Amino acid sequence: MSKDKPQVRYYRKRVELFALIDKIKLWPSRTGVLHGIKSVEMRGPDQALITTHCNRYFTVGNSRNSRAARWLRNKWFRGTCPECAIPEWKLAKYDATRFRRGYGSTLEGGT
């Protein structure tokens, strides 16, 4: 494995949004800007407050087929936040991540 290409990781396609953002630590805003996540504060079983590295706050619901979940799975974004300064290695690792319907980690039991 070279340093240019990170290892390909497989995750299930229909995992919970909170488990996915806890693992990936990226958030696509509604304008298409990809932010780095600083912290995720749970506000109940189905809501969380996400704080980004540029000190923006997003209140999100735990949905498998929400806009953000689809954008993360399909890797749709218009650009990265210059204030969050997402490193190139993280974007390369995100680019090497694959989402499959019947194969990969279900992201259960992790932190």
Protein backbone atom coordinates (compact mmCIF):
# COMPACT_ATOMS: atom_id res chain seq x y z
CA MET A 1 0.00 0.00 0.00
CA SER A 2 1.47 3.33 -1.03
CA LYS A 3 1.02 6.58 0.85
CA ASP A 4 -0.83 8.10 -2.11
CA LYS A 5 -3.67 5.57 -2.06
CA PRO A 6 -5.34 4.78 1.25
CA GLN A 7 -6.84 1.39 1.96
CA VAL A 8 -10.33 0.88 0.54
CA ARG A 9 -12.92 0.64 3.33
CA TYR A 10 -16.38 -0.81 2.95
CA TYR A 11 -19.44 0.23 4.93
CA ARG A 12 -23.03 -0.86 4.60
CA LYS A 13 -25.13 1.48 2.53
CA ARG A 14 -28.08 1.86 4.91
CA VAL A 15 -26.38 2.60 8.25
CA GLU A 16 -27.69 5.12 10.75
CA LEU A 17 -26.60 8.70 10.04
CA PHE A 18 -25.16 9.26 13.52
CA ALA A 19 -22.95 6.17 13.24
CA LEU A 20 -21.77 7.31 9.82
CA ILE A 21 -20.85 10.87 10.82
CA ASP A 22 -19.22 9.59 14.01
CA LYS A 23 -16.96 7.43 11.86
CA ILE A 24 -16.30 9.76 8.91
CA LYS A 25 -16.26 13.09 10.83
CA LEU A 26 -17.44 15.07 7.79
CA TRP A 27 -20.68 16.99 7.24
CA PRO A 28 -22.12 18.30 3.96
CA SER A 29 -24.03 21.53 4.52
CA ARG A 30 -27.09 22.40 2.44
CA THR A 31 -25.00 24.66 0.24
CA GLY A 32 -22.74 21.71 -0.67
CA VAL A 33 -19.75 22.72 1.44
CA LEU A 34 -18.02 19.84 3.21
CA HIS A 35 -17.16 20.64 6.85
CA GLY A 36 -14.99 18.82 9.36
CA ILE A 37 -16.80 17.77 12.55
CA LYS A 38 -15.35 18.82 15.88
CA SER A 39 -18.01 17.31 18.16
CA VAL A 40 -21.39 15.59 18.10
CA GLU A 41 -23.64 16.26 21.11
CA MET A 42 -26.64 13.96 21.41
CA ARG A 43 -29.91 15.81 22.11
CA GLY A 44 -32.09 12.74 22.42
CA PRO A 45 -32.43 9.42 20.65
CA ASP A 46 -33.07 10.98 17.24
CA GLN A 47 -31.42 14.42 17.34
CA ALA A 48 -27.88 15.70 17.67
CA LEU A 49 -26.06 19.02 17.60
CA ILE A 50 -23.02 18.95 15.32
CA THR A 51 -20.23 21.47 15.87
CA THR A 52 -17.79 21.96 13.00
CA HIS A 53 -14.20 23.16 13.14
CA CYS A 54 -15.33 26.56 11.83
CA ASN A 55 -17.70 26.85 14.85
CA ARG A 56 -20.92 26.38 12.92
CA TYR A 57 -23.74 24.40 14.49
CA PHE A 58 -26.15 22.03 12.78
CA THR A 59 -29.12 20.31 14.43
CA VAL A 60 -29.66 17.02 12.63
CA GLY A 61 -32.02 14.08 12.84
CA ASN A 62 -30.99 10.43 12.69
CA SER A 63 -32.23 9.31 9.28
CA ARG A 64 -30.84 6.79 6.82
CA ASN A 65 -32.28 8.47 3.75
CA SER A 66 -31.86 12.14 4.62
CA ARG A 67 -30.17 14.62 2.32
CA ALA A 68 -26.94 14.52 4.32
CA ALA A 69 -26.83 10.71 4.46
CA ARG A 70 -27.34 10.47 0.70
CA TRP A 71 -24.73 13.15 0.02
CA LEU A 72 -22.19 11.38 2.25
CA ARG A 73 -22.81 7.98 0.64
CA ASN A 74 -22.69 9.37 -2.90
CA LYS A 75 -19.80 11.75 -2.10
CA TRP A 76 -21.63 14.81 -3.43
CA PHE A 77 -20.16 18.14 -2.39
CA ARG A 78 -19.27 21.37 -4.14
CA GLY A 79 -16.15 22.19 -2.16
CA THR A 80 -14.53 22.09 1.25
CA CYS A 81 -14.75 24.72 3.95
CA PRO A 82 -11.55 26.81 4.02
CA GLU A 83 -12.01 27.54 7.73
CA CYS A 84 -12.34 23.86 8.65
CA ALA A 85 -9.13 23.05 6.72
CA ILE A 86 -9.91 19.41 6.03
CA PRO A 87 -6.55 17.69 5.39
CA GLU A 88 -5.86 16.00 2.06
CA TRP A 89 -5.34 12.61 3.70
CA LYS A 90 -8.88 12.74 5.13
CA LEU A 91 -10.37 13.59 1.74
CA ALA A 92 -8.36 10.78 0.13
CA LYS A 93 -9.56 8.34 2.80
CA TYR A 94 -13.15 9.50 2.25
CA ASP A 95 -12.71 9.07 -1.50
CA ALA A 96 -11.49 5.49 -0.96
CA THR A 97 -14.54 4.63 1.16
CA ARG A 98 -17.09 2.41 -0.57
CA PHE A 99 -20.72 1.87 0.41
CA ARG A 100 -22.24 -1.48 -0.51
CA ARG A 101 -25.70 -2.86 0.09
CA GLY A 102 -24.80 -6.28 1.42
CA TYR A 103 -21.14 -5.99 2.30
CA GLY A 104 -19.08 -4.06 4.80
CA SER A 105 -19.16 -2.84 8.37
CA THR A 106 -22.54 -1.97 9.89
CA LEU A 107 -20.78 0.52 12.23
CA GLU A 108 -22.37 -1.00 15.32
CA GLY A 109 -20.64 -1.14 18.67
CA GLY A 110 -18.07 1.53 17.79
CA THR A 111 -17.38 4.81 19.52
